[in-house]
Amino acid sequence: YKNYYFVPFGMDDCEHKTKSMVCDFGQVL
């Protein structure tokens, strides 16, 4: 969609939460 942007994100616990992802809060700025 136009005008939507994402903070880079990835898996936060690939062993225990196999579908979970979270953004890299350090890259918000």
mmCIF file of all heavy atoms, coordinates in Angstrom:
data_MODEL
# 
_entry.id   MODEL 
# 
loop_
_atom_site.group_PDB 
_atom_site.id 
_atom_site.type_symbol 
_atom_site.label_atom_id 
_atom_site.label_alt_id 
_atom_site.label_comp_id 
_atom_site.label_asym_id 
_atom_site.label_entity_id 
_atom_site.label_seq_id 
_atom_site.pdbx_PDB_ins_code 
_atom_site.Cartn_x 
_atom_site.Cartn_y 
_atom_site.Cartn_z 
_atom_site.occupancy 
_atom_site.B_iso_or_equiv 
_atom_site.pdbx_formal_charge 
_atom_site.auth_seq_id 
_atom_site.auth_comp_id 
_atom_site.auth_asym_id 
_atom_site.auth_atom_id 
_atom_site.pdbx_PDB_model_num 
ATOM 1   N N   . TYR A 1 1  ? 0.832  -1.200  0.000  1.00 0.00 ? 1  TYR A N   1 
ATOM 2   C CA  . TYR A 1 1  ? 0.000  0.000   0.000  1.00 0.00 ? 1  TYR A CA  1 
ATOM 3   C C   . TYR A 1 1  ? 0.868  1.253   0.000  1.00 0.00 ? 1  TYR A C   1 
ATOM 4   O O   . TYR A 1 1  ? 1.925  1.292   0.644  1.00 0.00 ? 1  TYR A O   1 
ATOM 5   C CB  . TYR A 1 1  ? -0.906 0.041   1.225  1.00 0.00 ? 1  TYR A CB  1 
ATOM 6   C CG  . TYR A 1 1  ? -2.026 -0.973  1.258  1.00 0.00 ? 1  TYR A CG  1 
ATOM 7   C CD1 . TYR A 1 1  ? -2.771 -1.144  2.411  1.00 0.00 ? 1  TYR A CD1 1 
ATOM 8   C CD2 . TYR A 1 1  ? -2.349 -1.768  0.163  1.00 0.00 ? 1  TYR A CD2 1 
ATOM 9   C CE1 . TYR A 1 1  ? -3.802 -2.066  2.475  1.00 0.00 ? 1  TYR A CE1 1 
ATOM 10  C CE2 . TYR A 1 1  ? -3.376 -2.694  0.222  1.00 0.00 ? 1  TYR A CE2 1 
ATOM 11  C CZ  . TYR A 1 1  ? -4.096 -2.830  1.377  1.00 0.00 ? 1  TYR A CZ  1 
ATOM 12  O OH  . TYR A 1 1  ? -5.114 -3.737  1.437  1.00 0.00 ? 1  TYR A OH  1 
ATOM 13  N N   . LYS A 1 2  ? 0.412  2.252   -0.703 1.00 0.00 ? 2  LYS A N   1 
ATOM 14  C CA  . LYS A 1 2  ? 1.108  3.533   -0.742 1.00 0.00 ? 2  LYS A CA  1 
ATOM 15  C C   . LYS A 1 2  ? 1.110  4.159   0.660  1.00 0.00 ? 2  LYS A C   1 
ATOM 16  O O   . LYS A 1 2  ? 0.127  4.062   1.397  1.00 0.00 ? 2  LYS A O   1 
ATOM 17  C CB  . LYS A 1 2  ? 0.395  4.467   -1.726 1.00 0.00 ? 2  LYS A CB  1 
ATOM 18  C CG  . LYS A 1 2  ? 1.069  5.796   -1.910 1.00 0.00 ? 2  LYS A CG  1 
ATOM 19  C CD  . LYS A 1 2  ? 0.323  6.643   -2.918 1.00 0.00 ? 2  LYS A CD  1 
ATOM 20  C CE  . LYS A 1 2  ? 1.007  7.984   -3.040 1.00 0.00 ? 2  LYS A CE  1 
ATOM 21  N NZ  . LYS A 1 2  ? 0.284  8.877   -3.929 1.00 0.00 ? 2  LYS A NZ  1 
ATOM 22  N N   . ASN A 1 3  ? 2.213  4.796   1.004  1.00 0.00 ? 3  ASN A N   1 
ATOM 23  C CA  . ASN A 1 3  ? 2.394  5.566   2.240  1.00 0.00 ? 3  ASN A CA  1 
ATOM 24  C C   . ASN A 1 3  ? 2.584  4.738   3.502  1.00 0.00 ? 3  ASN A C   1 
ATOM 25  O O   . ASN A 1 3  ? 2.592  5.296   4.600  1.00 0.00 ? 3  ASN A O   1 
ATOM 26  C CB  . ASN A 1 3  ? 1.266  6.590   2.445  1.00 0.00 ? 3  ASN A CB  1 
ATOM 27  C CG  . ASN A 1 3  ? 1.248  7.629   1.352  1.00 0.00 ? 3  ASN A CG  1 
ATOM 28  O OD1 . ASN A 1 3  ? 2.292  8.130   0.944  1.00 0.00 ? 3  ASN A OD1 1 
ATOM 29  N ND2 . ASN A 1 3  ? 0.073  7.943   0.834  1.00 0.00 ? 3  ASN A ND2 1 
ATOM 30  N N   . TYR A 1 4  ? 2.716  3.431   3.378  1.00 0.00 ? 4  TYR A N   1 
ATOM 31  C CA  . TYR A 1 4  ? 3.050  2.590   4.528  1.00 0.00 ? 4  TYR A CA  1 
ATOM 32  C C   . TYR A 1 4  ? 4.520  2.196   4.434  1.00 0.00 ? 4  TYR A C   1 
ATOM 33  O O   . TYR A 1 4  ? 5.000  1.788   3.378  1.00 0.00 ? 4  TYR A O   1 
ATOM 34  C CB  . TYR A 1 4  ? 2.195  1.320   4.575  1.00 0.00 ? 4  TYR A CB  1 
ATOM 35  C CG  . TYR A 1 4  ? 0.837  1.531   5.177  1.00 0.00 ? 4  TYR A CG  1 
ATOM 36  C CD1 . TYR A 1 4  ? -0.277 1.721   4.371  1.00 0.00 ? 4  TYR A CD1 1 
ATOM 37  C CD2 . TYR A 1 4  ? 0.652  1.530   6.556  1.00 0.00 ? 4  TYR A CD2 1 
ATOM 38  C CE1 . TYR A 1 4  ? -1.538 1.905   4.919  1.00 0.00 ? 4  TYR A CE1 1 
ATOM 39  C CE2 . TYR A 1 4  ? -0.598 1.719   7.117  1.00 0.00 ? 4  TYR A CE2 1 
ATOM 40  C CZ  . TYR A 1 4  ? -1.686 1.915   6.294  1.00 0.00 ? 4  TYR A CZ  1 
ATOM 41  O OH  . TYR A 1 4  ? -2.932 2.099   6.837  1.00 0.00 ? 4  TYR A OH  1 
ATOM 42  N N   . TYR A 1 5  ? 5.207  2.313   5.564  1.00 0.00 ? 5  TYR A N   1 
ATOM 43  C CA  . TYR A 1 5  ? 6.624  1.974   5.670  1.00 0.00 ? 5  TYR A CA  1 
ATOM 44  C C   . TYR A 1 5  ? 6.801  1.101   6.908  1.00 0.00 ? 5  TYR A C   1 
ATOM 45  O O   . TYR A 1 5  ? 6.014  1.197   7.853  1.00 0.00 ? 5  TYR A O   1 
ATOM 46  C CB  . TYR A 1 5  ? 7.480  3.236   5.796  1.00 0.00 ? 5  TYR A CB  1 
ATOM 47  C CG  . TYR A 1 5  ? 7.298  4.170   4.631  1.00 0.00 ? 5  TYR A CG  1 
ATOM 48  C CD1 . TYR A 1 5  ? 6.268  5.106   4.618  1.00 0.00 ? 5  TYR A CD1 1 
ATOM 49  C CD2 . TYR A 1 5  ? 8.144  4.113   3.533  1.00 0.00 ? 5  TYR A CD2 1 
ATOM 50  C CE1 . TYR A 1 5  ? 6.095  5.960   3.545  1.00 0.00 ? 5  TYR A CE1 1 
ATOM 51  C CE2 . TYR A 1 5  ? 7.988  4.959   2.458  1.00 0.00 ? 5  TYR A CE2 1 
ATOM 52  C CZ  . TYR A 1 5  ? 6.946  5.885   2.467  1.00 0.00 ? 5  TYR A CZ  1 
ATOM 53  O OH  . TYR A 1 5  ? 6.772  6.722   1.392  1.00 0.00 ? 5  TYR A OH  1 
ATOM 54  N N   . PHE A 1 6  ? 7.847  0.291   6.920  1.00 0.00 ? 6  PHE A N   1 
ATOM 55  C CA  . PHE A 1 6  ? 8.072  -0.617  8.039  1.00 0.00 ? 6  PHE A CA  1 
ATOM 56  C C   . PHE A 1 6  ? 9.430  -0.400  8.673  1.00 0.00 ? 6  PHE A C   1 
ATOM 57  O O   . PHE A 1 6  ? 10.432 -0.248  7.975  1.00 0.00 ? 6  PHE A O   1 
ATOM 58  C CB  . PHE A 1 6  ? 7.967  -2.077  7.575  1.00 0.00 ? 6  PHE A CB  1 
ATOM 59  C CG  . PHE A 1 6  ? 6.552  -2.542  7.379  1.00 0.00 ? 6  PHE A CG  1 
ATOM 60  C CD1 . PHE A 1 6  ? 5.830  -2.163  6.268  1.00 0.00 ? 6  PHE A CD1 1 
ATOM 61  C CD2 . PHE A 1 6  ? 5.942  -3.350  8.329  1.00 0.00 ? 6  PHE A CD2 1 
ATOM 62  C CE1 . PHE A 1 6  ? 4.524  -2.572  6.083  1.00 0.00 ? 6  PHE A CE1 1 
ATOM 63  C CE2 . PHE A 1 6  ? 4.636  -3.765  8.158  1.00 0.00 ? 6  PHE A CE2 1 
ATOM 64  C CZ  . PHE A 1 6  ? 3.925  -3.382  7.040  1.00 0.00 ? 6  PHE A CZ  1 
ATOM 65  N N   . VAL A 1 7  ? 9.445  -0.405  10.004 1.00 0.00 ? 7  VAL A N   1 
ATOM 66  C CA  . VAL A 1 7  ? 10.689 -0.505  10.739 1.00 0.00 ? 7  VAL A CA  1 
ATOM 67  C C   . VAL A 1 7  ? 11.190 -1.935  10.469 1.00 0.00 ? 7  VAL A C   1 
ATOM 68  O O   . VAL A 1 7  ? 10.388 -2.878  10.506 1.00 0.00 ? 7  VAL A O   1 
ATOM 69  C CB  . VAL A 1 7  ? 10.459 -0.306  12.257 1.00 0.00 ? 7  VAL A CB  1 
ATOM 70  C CG1 . VAL A 1 7  ? 11.754 -0.493  13.041 1.00 0.00 ? 7  VAL A CG1 1 
ATOM 71  C CG2 . VAL A 1 7  ? 9.831  1.052   12.538 1.00 0.00 ? 7  VAL A CG2 1 
ATOM 72  N N   . PRO A 1 8  ? 12.467 -2.135  10.153 1.00 0.00 ? 8  PRO A N   1 
ATOM 73  C CA  . PRO A 1 8  ? 12.944 -3.500  9.920  1.00 0.00 ? 8  PRO A CA  1 
ATOM 74  C C   . PRO A 1 8  ? 12.545 -4.439  11.071 1.00 0.00 ? 8  PRO A C   1 
ATOM 75  O O   . PRO A 1 8  ? 12.575 -4.043  12.237 1.00 0.00 ? 8  PRO A O   1 
ATOM 76  C CB  . PRO A 1 8  ? 14.464 -3.335  9.840  1.00 0.00 ? 8  PRO A CB  1 
ATOM 77  C CG  . PRO A 1 8  ? 14.641 -1.935  9.335  1.00 0.00 ? 8  PRO A CG  1 
ATOM 78  C CD  . PRO A 1 8  ? 13.540 -1.153  10.005 1.00 0.00 ? 8  PRO A CD  1 
ATOM 79  N N   . PHE A 1 9  ? 12.151 -5.642  10.709 1.00 0.00 ? 9  PHE A N   1 
ATOM 80  C CA  . PHE A 1 9  ? 11.684 -6.598  11.719 1.00 0.00 ? 9  PHE A CA  1 
ATOM 81  C C   . PHE A 1 9  ? 12.139 -8.007  11.392 1.00 0.00 ? 9  PHE A C   1 
ATOM 82  O O   . PHE A 1 9  ? 12.525 -8.294  10.262 1.00 0.00 ? 9  PHE A O   1 
ATOM 83  C CB  . PHE A 1 9  ? 10.158 -6.537  11.868 1.00 0.00 ? 9  PHE A CB  1 
ATOM 84  C CG  . PHE A 1 9  ? 9.389  -6.865  10.610 1.00 0.00 ? 9  PHE A CG  1 
ATOM 85  C CD1 . PHE A 1 9  ? 8.874  -8.137  10.410 1.00 0.00 ? 9  PHE A CD1 1 
ATOM 86  C CD2 . PHE A 1 9  ? 9.148  -5.893  9.647  1.00 0.00 ? 9  PHE A CD2 1 
ATOM 87  C CE1 . PHE A 1 9  ? 8.156  -8.437  9.261  1.00 0.00 ? 9  PHE A CE1 1 
ATOM 88  C CE2 . PHE A 1 9  ? 8.432  -6.181  8.496  1.00 0.00 ? 9  PHE A CE2 1 
ATOM 89  C CZ  . PHE A 1 9  ? 7.932  -7.455  8.296  1.00 0.00 ? 9  PHE A CZ  1 
ATOM 90  N N   . GLY A 1 10 ? 12.105 -8.857  12.400 1.00 0.00 ? 10 GLY A N   1 
ATOM 91  C CA  . GLY A 1 10 ? 12.506 -10.244 12.214 1.00 0.00 ? 10 GLY A CA  1 
ATOM 92  C C   . GLY A 1 10 ? 12.001 -11.109 13.354 1.00 0.00 ? 10 GLY A C   1 
ATOM 93  O O   . GLY A 1 10 ? 11.322 -10.626 14.265 1.00 0.00 ? 10 GLY A O   1 
ATOM 94  N N   . MET A 1 11 ? 12.356 -12.371 13.306 1.00 0.00 ? 11 MET A N   1 
ATOM 95  C CA  . MET A 1 11 ? 11.918 -13.310 14.336 1.00 0.00 ? 11 MET A CA  1 
ATOM 96  C C   . MET A 1 11 ? 12.578 -12.973 15.664 1.00 0.00 ? 11 MET A C   1 
ATOM 97  O O   . MET A 1 11 ? 13.768 -12.669 15.712 1.00 0.00 ? 11 MET A O   1 
ATOM 98  C CB  . MET A 1 11 ? 12.248 -14.743 13.930 1.00 0.00 ? 11 MET A CB  1 
ATOM 99  C CG  . MET A 1 11 ? 11.484 -15.195 12.699 1.00 0.00 ? 11 MET A CG  1 
ATOM 100 S SD  . MET A 1 11 ? 11.829 -16.913 12.279 1.00 0.00 ? 11 MET A SD  1 
ATOM 101 C CE  . MET A 1 11 ? 10.735 -17.727 13.438 1.00 0.00 ? 11 MET A CE  1 
ATOM 102 N N   . ASP A 1 12 ? 11.801 -13.024 16.734 1.00 0.00 ? 12 ASP A N   1 
ATOM 103 C CA  . ASP A 1 12 ? 12.355 -12.683 18.045 1.00 0.00 ? 12 ASP A CA  1 
ATOM 104 C C   . ASP A 1 12 ? 12.715 -13.912 18.874 1.00 0.00 ? 12 ASP A C   1 
ATOM 105 O O   . ASP A 1 12 ? 13.511 -13.807 19.802 1.00 0.00 ? 12 ASP A O   1 
ATOM 106 C CB  . ASP A 1 12 ? 11.410 -11.759 18.821 1.00 0.00 ? 12 ASP A CB  1 
ATOM 107 C CG  . ASP A 1 12 ? 10.018 -12.325 19.001 1.00 0.00 ? 12 ASP A CG  1 
ATOM 108 O OD1 . ASP A 1 12 ? 9.462  -12.873 18.041 1.00 0.00 ? 12 ASP A OD1 1 
ATOM 109 O OD2 . ASP A 1 12 ? 9.476  -12.200 20.106 1.00 0.00 ? 12 ASP A OD2 1 
ATOM 110 N N   . ASP A 1 13 ? 12.166 -15.069 18.553 1.00 0.00 ? 13 ASP A N   1 
ATOM 111 C CA  . ASP A 1 13 ? 12.498 -16.304 19.270 1.00 0.00 ? 13 ASP A CA  1 
ATOM 112 C C   . ASP A 1 13 ? 12.106 -17.483 18.378 1.00 0.00 ? 13 ASP A C   1 
ATOM 113 O O   . ASP A 1 13 ? 11.042 -18.079 18.561 1.00 0.00 ? 13 ASP A O   1 
ATOM 114 C CB  . ASP A 1 13 ? 11.767 -16.352 20.616 1.00 0.00 ? 13 ASP A CB  1 
ATOM 115 C CG  . ASP A 1 13 ? 12.134 -17.565 21.452 1.00 0.00 ? 13 ASP A CG  1 
ATOM 116 O OD1 . ASP A 1 13 ? 12.854 -18.460 20.961 1.00 0.00 ? 13 ASP A OD1 1 
ATOM 117 O OD2 . ASP A 1 13 ? 11.693 -17.627 22.617 1.00 0.00 ? 13 ASP A OD2 1 
ATOM 118 N N   . CYS A 1 14 ? 12.976 -17.799 17.419 1.00 0.00 ? 14 CYS A N   1 
ATOM 119 C CA  . CYS A 1 14 ? 12.624 -18.792 16.398 1.00 0.00 ? 14 CYS A CA  1 
ATOM 120 C C   . CYS A 1 14 ? 12.455 -20.199 16.943 1.00 0.00 ? 14 CYS A C   1 
ATOM 121 O O   . CYS A 1 14 ? 11.811 -21.026 16.313 1.00 0.00 ? 14 CYS A O   1 
ATOM 122 C CB  . CYS A 1 14 ? 13.635 -18.772 15.260 1.00 0.00 ? 14 CYS A CB  1 
ATOM 123 S SG  . CYS A 1 14 ? 15.316 -19.145 15.766 1.00 0.00 ? 14 CYS A SG  1 
ATOM 124 N N   . GLU A 1 15 ? 12.986 -20.492 18.109 1.00 0.00 ? 15 GLU A N   1 
ATOM 125 C CA  . GLU A 1 15 ? 12.840 -21.827 18.679 1.00 0.00 ? 15 GLU A CA  1 
ATOM 126 C C   . GLU A 1 15 ? 11.543 -22.013 19.447 1.00 0.00 ? 15 GLU A C   1 
ATOM 127 O O   . GLU A 1 15 ? 10.931 -23.069 19.388 1.00 0.00 ? 15 GLU A O   1 
ATOM 128 C CB  . GLU A 1 15 ? 14.031 -22.146 19.579 1.00 0.00 ? 15 GLU A CB  1 
ATOM 129 C CG  . GLU A 1 15 ? 15.317 -22.336 18.795 1.00 0.00 ? 15 GLU A CG  1 
ATOM 130 C CD  . GLU A 1 15 ? 16.460 -22.779 19.674 1.00 0.00 ? 15 GLU A CD  1 
ATOM 131 O OE1 . GLU A 1 15 ? 16.219 -23.408 20.727 1.00 0.00 ? 15 GLU A OE1 1 
ATOM 132 O OE2 . GLU A 1 15 ? 17.610 -22.497 19.301 1.00 0.00 ? 15 GLU A OE2 1 
ATOM 133 N N   . HIS A 1 16 ? 11.125 -20.998 20.182 1.00 0.00 ? 16 HIS A N   1 
ATOM 134 C CA  . HIS A 1 16 ? 9.959  -21.144 21.053 1.00 0.00 ? 16 HIS A CA  1 
ATOM 135 C C   . HIS A 1 16 ? 8.699  -20.454 20.527 1.00 0.00 ? 16 HIS A C   1 
ATOM 136 O O   . HIS A 1 16 ? 7.595  -20.808 20.924 1.00 0.00 ? 16 HIS A O   1 
ATOM 137 C CB  . HIS A 1 16 ? 10.282 -20.614 22.455 1.00 0.00 ? 16 HIS A CB  1 
ATOM 138 C CG  . HIS A 1 16 ? 11.406 -21.353 23.096 1.00 0.00 ? 16 HIS A CG  1 
ATOM 139 N ND1 . HIS A 1 16 ? 12.681 -20.843 23.155 1.00 0.00 ? 16 HIS A ND1 1 
ATOM 140 C CD2 . HIS A 1 16 ? 11.457 -22.576 23.664 1.00 0.00 ? 16 HIS A CD2 1 
ATOM 141 C CE1 . HIS A 1 16 ? 13.484 -21.711 23.757 1.00 0.00 ? 16 HIS A CE1 1 
ATOM 142 N NE2 . HIS A 1 16 ? 12.767 -22.778 24.067 1.00 0.00 ? 16 HIS A NE2 1 
ATOM 143 N N   . LYS A 1 17 ? 8.884  -19.463 19.660 1.00 0.00 ? 17 LYS A N   1 
ATOM 144 C CA  . LYS A 1 17 ? 7.746  -18.740 19.091 1.00 0.00 ? 17 LYS A CA  1 
ATOM 145 C C   . LYS A 1 17 ? 7.959  -18.696 17.579 1.00 0.00 ? 17 LYS A C   1 
ATOM 146 O O   . LYS A 1 17 ? 8.404  -17.702 17.031 1.00 0.00 ? 17 LYS A O   1 
ATOM 147 C CB  . LYS A 1 17 ? 7.646  -17.332 19.691 1.00 0.00 ? 17 LYS A CB  1 
ATOM 148 C CG  . LYS A 1 17 ? 7.425  -17.350 21.179 1.00 0.00 ? 17 LYS A CG  1 
ATOM 149 C CD  . LYS A 1 17 ? 7.181  -16.000 21.846 1.00 0.00 ? 17 LYS A CD  1 
ATOM 150 C CE  . LYS A 1 17 ? 7.818  -14.808 21.293 1.00 0.00 ? 17 LYS A CE  1 
ATOM 151 N NZ  . LYS A 1 17 ? 7.591  -13.571 22.046 1.00 0.00 ? 17 LYS A NZ  1 
ATOM 152 N N   . THR A 1 18 ? 7.617  -19.789 16.934 1.00 0.00 ? 18 THR A N   1 
ATOM 153 C CA  . THR A 1 18 ? 8.006  -20.004 15.539 1.00 0.00 ? 18 THR A CA  1 
ATOM 154 C C   . THR A 1 18 ? 7.292  -19.109 14.526 1.00 0.00 ? 18 THR A C   1 
ATOM 155 O O   . THR A 1 18 ? 7.683  -19.084 13.360 1.00 0.00 ? 18 THR A O   1 
ATOM 156 C CB  . THR A 1 18 ? 7.786  -21.473 15.144 1.00 0.00 ? 18 THR A CB  1 
ATOM 157 O OG1 . THR A 1 18 ? 6.410  -21.812 15.355 1.00 0.00 ? 18 THR A OG1 1 
ATOM 158 C CG2 . THR A 1 18 ? 8.673  -22.395 15.979 1.00 0.00 ? 18 THR A CG2 1 
ATOM 159 N N   . LYS A 1 19 ? 6.268  -18.382 14.933 1.00 0.00 ? 19 LYS A N   1 
ATOM 160 C CA  . LYS A 1 19 ? 5.571  -17.478 14.017 1.00 0.00 ? 19 LYS A CA  1 
ATOM 161 C C   . LYS A 1 19 ? 5.682  -16.020 14.441 1.00 0.00 ? 19 LYS A C   1 
ATOM 162 O O   . LYS A 1 19 ? 5.125  -15.145 13.814 1.00 0.00 ? 19 LYS A O   1 
ATOM 163 C CB  . LYS A 1 19 ? 4.096  -17.881 13.911 1.00 0.00 ? 19 LYS A CB  1 
ATOM 164 C CG  . LYS A 1 19 ? 3.911  -19.250 13.280 1.00 0.00 ? 19 LYS A CG  1 
ATOM 165 C CD  . LYS A 1 19 ? 2.470  -19.609 13.137 1.00 0.00 ? 19 LYS A CD  1 
ATOM 166 C CE  . LYS A 1 19 ? 2.362  -20.999 12.514 1.00 0.00 ? 19 LYS A CE  1 
ATOM 167 N NZ  . LYS A 1 19 ? 0.988  -21.402 12.309 1.00 0.00 ? 19 LYS A NZ  1 
ATOM 168 N N   . SER A 1 20 ? 6.424  -15.775 15.509 1.00 0.00 ? 20 SER A N   1 
ATOM 169 C CA  . SER A 1 20 ? 6.511  -14.444 16.108 1.00 0.00 ? 20 SER A CA  1 
ATOM 170 C C   . SER A 1 20 ? 7.584  -13.580 15.452 1.00 0.00 ? 20 SER A C   1 
ATOM 171 O O   . SER A 1 20 ? 8.674  -14.054 15.148 1.00 0.00 ? 20 SER A O   1 
ATOM 172 C CB  . SER A 1 20 ? 6.815  -14.592 17.600 1.00 0.00 ? 20 SER A CB  1 
ATOM 173 O OG  . SER A 1 20 ? 6.855  -13.327 18.224 1.00 0.00 ? 20 SER A OG  1 
ATOM 174 N N   . MET A 1 21 ? 7.243  -12.303 15.252 1.00 0.00 ? 21 MET A N   1 
ATOM 175 C CA  . MET A 1 21 ? 8.203  -11.332 14.739 1.00 0.00 ? 21 MET A CA  1 
ATOM 176 C C   . MET A 1 21 ? 8.011  -10.011 15.464 1.00 0.00 ? 21 MET A C   1 
ATOM 177 O O   . MET A 1 21 ? 6.905  -9.683  15.896 1.00 0.00 ? 21 MET A O   1 
ATOM 178 C CB  . MET A 1 21 ? 8.043  -11.131 13.237 1.00 0.00 ? 21 MET A CB  1 
ATOM 179 C CG  . MET A 1 21 ? 8.307  -12.400 12.438 1.00 0.00 ? 21 MET A CG  1 
ATOM 180 S SD  . MET A 1 21 ? 8.255  -12.124 10.676 1.00 0.00 ? 21 MET A SD  1 
ATOM 181 C CE  . MET A 1 21 ? 9.989  -11.962 10.376 1.00 0.00 ? 21 MET A CE  1 
ATOM 182 N N   . VAL A 1 22 ? 9.102  -9.270  15.562 1.00 0.00 ? 22 VAL A N   1 
ATOM 183 C CA  . VAL A 1 22 ? 9.057  -7.965  16.219 1.00 0.00 ? 22 VAL A CA  1 
ATOM 184 C C   . VAL A 1 22 ? 10.020 -7.031  15.488 1.00 0.00 ? 22 VAL A C   1 
ATOM 185 O O   . VAL A 1 22 ? 11.027 -7.465  14.927 1.00 0.00 ? 22 VAL A O   1 
ATOM 186 C CB  . VAL A 1 22 ? 9.395  -8.094  17.726 1.00 0.00 ? 22 VAL A CB  1 
ATOM 187 C CG1 . VAL A 1 22 ? 10.831 -8.501  17.949 1.00 0.00 ? 22 VAL A CG1 1 
ATOM 188 C CG2 . VAL A 1 22 ? 9.057  -6.833  18.482 1.00 0.00 ? 22 VAL A CG2 1 
ATOM 189 N N   . CYS A 1 23 ? 9.675  -5.746  15.506 1.00 0.00 ? 23 CYS A N   1 
ATOM 190 C CA  . CYS A 1 23 ? 10.543 -4.769  14.851 1.00 0.00 ? 23 CYS A CA  1 
ATOM 191 C C   . CYS A 1 23 ? 11.802 -4.533  15.674 1.00 0.00 ? 23 CYS A C   1 
ATOM 192 O O   . CYS A 1 23 ? 11.855 -4.837  16.870 1.00 0.00 ? 23 CYS A O   1 
ATOM 193 C CB  . CYS A 1 23 ? 9.797  -3.457  14.623 1.00 0.00 ? 23 CYS A CB  1 
ATOM 194 S SG  . CYS A 1 23 ? 9.487  -2.488  16.107 1.00 0.00 ? 23 CYS A SG  1 
ATOM 195 N N   . ASP A 1 24 ? 12.794 -3.969  15.025 1.00 0.00 ? 24 ASP A N   1 
ATOM 196 C CA  . ASP A 1 24 ? 14.031 -3.583  15.690 1.00 0.00 ? 24 ASP A CA  1 
ATOM 197 C C   . ASP A 1 24 ? 13.817 -2.164  16.216 1.00 0.00 ? 24 ASP A C   1 
ATOM 198 O O   . ASP A 1 24 ? 13.953 -1.186  15.473 1.00 0.00 ? 24 ASP A O   1 
ATOM 199 C CB  . ASP A 1 24 ? 15.198 -3.651  14.706 1.00 0.00 ? 24 ASP A CB  1 
ATOM 200 C CG  . ASP A 1 24 ? 16.519 -3.272  15.324 1.00 0.00 ? 24 ASP A CG  1 
ATOM 201 O OD1 . ASP A 1 24 ? 16.544 -2.806  16.481 1.00 0.00 ? 24 ASP A OD1 1 
ATOM 202 O OD2 . ASP A 1 24 ? 17.540 -3.445  14.641 1.00 0.00 ? 24 ASP A OD2 1 
ATOM 203 N N   . PHE A 1 25 ? 13.456 -2.042  17.493 1.00 0.00 ? 25 PHE A N   1 
ATOM 204 C CA  . PHE A 1 25 ? 13.139 -0.742  18.080 1.00 0.00 ? 25 PHE A CA  1 
ATOM 205 C C   . PHE A 1 25 ? 14.309 0.235   17.978 1.00 0.00 ? 25 PHE A C   1 
ATOM 206 O O   . PHE A 1 25 ? 14.098 1.442   17.947 1.00 0.00 ? 25 PHE A O   1 
ATOM 207 C CB  . PHE A 1 25 ? 12.696 -0.912  19.532 1.00 0.00 ? 25 PHE A CB  1 
ATOM 208 C CG  . PHE A 1 25 ? 11.342 -1.544  19.654 1.00 0.00 ? 25 PHE A CG  1 
ATOM 209 C CD1 . PHE A 1 25 ? 11.206 -2.917  19.769 1.00 0.00 ? 25 PHE A CD1 1 
ATOM 210 C CD2 . PHE A 1 25 ? 10.200 -0.770  19.629 1.00 0.00 ? 25 PHE A CD2 1 
ATOM 211 C CE1 . PHE A 1 25 ? 9.960  -3.510  19.860 1.00 0.00 ? 25 PHE A CE1 1 
ATOM 212 C CE2 . PHE A 1 25 ? 8.942  -1.349  19.715 1.00 0.00 ? 25 PHE A CE2 1 
ATOM 213 C CZ  . PHE A 1 25 ? 8.824  -2.718  19.837 1.00 0.00 ? 25 PHE A CZ  1 
ATOM 214 N N   . GLY A 1 26 ? 15.514 -0.273  17.902 1.00 0.00 ? 26 GLY A N   1 
ATOM 215 C CA  . GLY A 1 26 ? 16.688 0.566   17.737 1.00 0.00 ? 26 GLY A CA  1 
ATOM 216 C C   . GLY A 1 26 ? 16.755 1.251   16.382 1.00 0.00 ? 26 GLY A C   1 
ATOM 217 O O   . GLY A 1 26 ? 17.572 2.158   16.185 1.00 0.00 ? 26 GLY A O   1 
ATOM 218 N N   . GLN A 1 27 ? 15.900 0.843   15.445 1.00 0.00 ? 27 GLN A N   1 
ATOM 219 C CA  . GLN A 1 27 ? 15.884 1.447   14.111 1.00 0.00 ? 27 GLN A CA  1 
ATOM 220 C C   . GLN A 1 27 ? 14.676 2.348   13.865 1.00 0.00 ? 27 GLN A C   1 
ATOM 221 O O   . GLN A 1 27 ? 14.473 2.831   12.748 1.00 0.00 ? 27 GLN A O   1 
ATOM 222 C CB  . GLN A 1 27 ? 15.959 0.355   13.043 1.00 0.00 ? 27 GLN A CB  1 
ATOM 223 C CG  . GLN A 1 27 ? 17.304 -0.354  13.037 1.00 0.00 ? 27 GLN A CG  1 
ATOM 224 C CD  . GLN A 1 27 ? 17.494 -1.171  11.784 1.00 0.00 ? 27 GLN A CD  1 
ATOM 225 O OE1 . GLN A 1 27 ? 17.288 -0.686  10.675 1.00 0.00 ? 27 GLN A OE1 1 
ATOM 226 N NE2 . GLN A 1 27 ? 17.884 -2.421  11.955 1.00 0.00 ? 27 GLN A NE2 1 
ATOM 227 N N   . VAL A 1 28 ? 13.883 2.608   14.905 1.00 0.00 ? 28 VAL A N   1 
ATOM 228 C CA  . VAL A 1 28 ? 12.723 3.497   14.730 1.00 0.00 ? 28 VAL A CA  1 
ATOM 229 C C   . VAL A 1 28 ? 13.191 4.891   14.315 1.00 0.00 ? 28 VAL A C   1 
ATOM 230 O O   . VAL A 1 28 ? 12.683 5.470   13.349 1.00 0.00 ? 28 VAL A O   1 
ATOM 231 C CB  . VAL A 1 28 ? 11.854 3.547   16.002 1.00 0.00 ? 28 VAL A CB  1 
ATOM 232 C CG1 . VAL A 1 28 ? 10.775 4.622   15.884 1.00 0.00 ? 28 VAL A CG1 1 
ATOM 233 C CG2 . VAL A 1 28 ? 11.217 2.182   16.276 1.00 0.00 ? 28 VAL A CG2 1 
ATOM 234 N N   . LEU A 1 29 ? 14.145 5.442   15.029 1.00 0.00 ? 29 LEU A N   1 
ATOM 235 C CA  . LEU A 1 29 ? 14.639 6.787   14.720 1.00 0.00 ? 29 LEU A CA  1 
ATOM 236 C C   . LEU A 1 29 ? 15.201 6.861   13.302 1.00 0.00 ? 29 LEU A C   1 
ATOM 237 O O   . LEU A 1 29 ? 14.873 7.789   12.546 1.00 0.00 ? 29 LEU A O   1 
ATOM 238 C CB  . LEU A 1 29 ? 15.694 7.222   15.737 1.00 0.00 ? 29 LEU A CB  1 
ATOM 239 C CG  . LEU A 1 29 ? 16.364 8.568   15.489 1.00 0.00 ? 29 LEU A CG  1 
ATOM 240 C CD1 . LEU A 1 29 ? 15.354 9.711   15.469 1.00 0.00 ? 29 LEU A CD1 1 
ATOM 241 C CD2 . LEU A 1 29 ? 17.432 8.821   16.554 1.00 0.00 ? 29 LEU A CD2 1 
# 
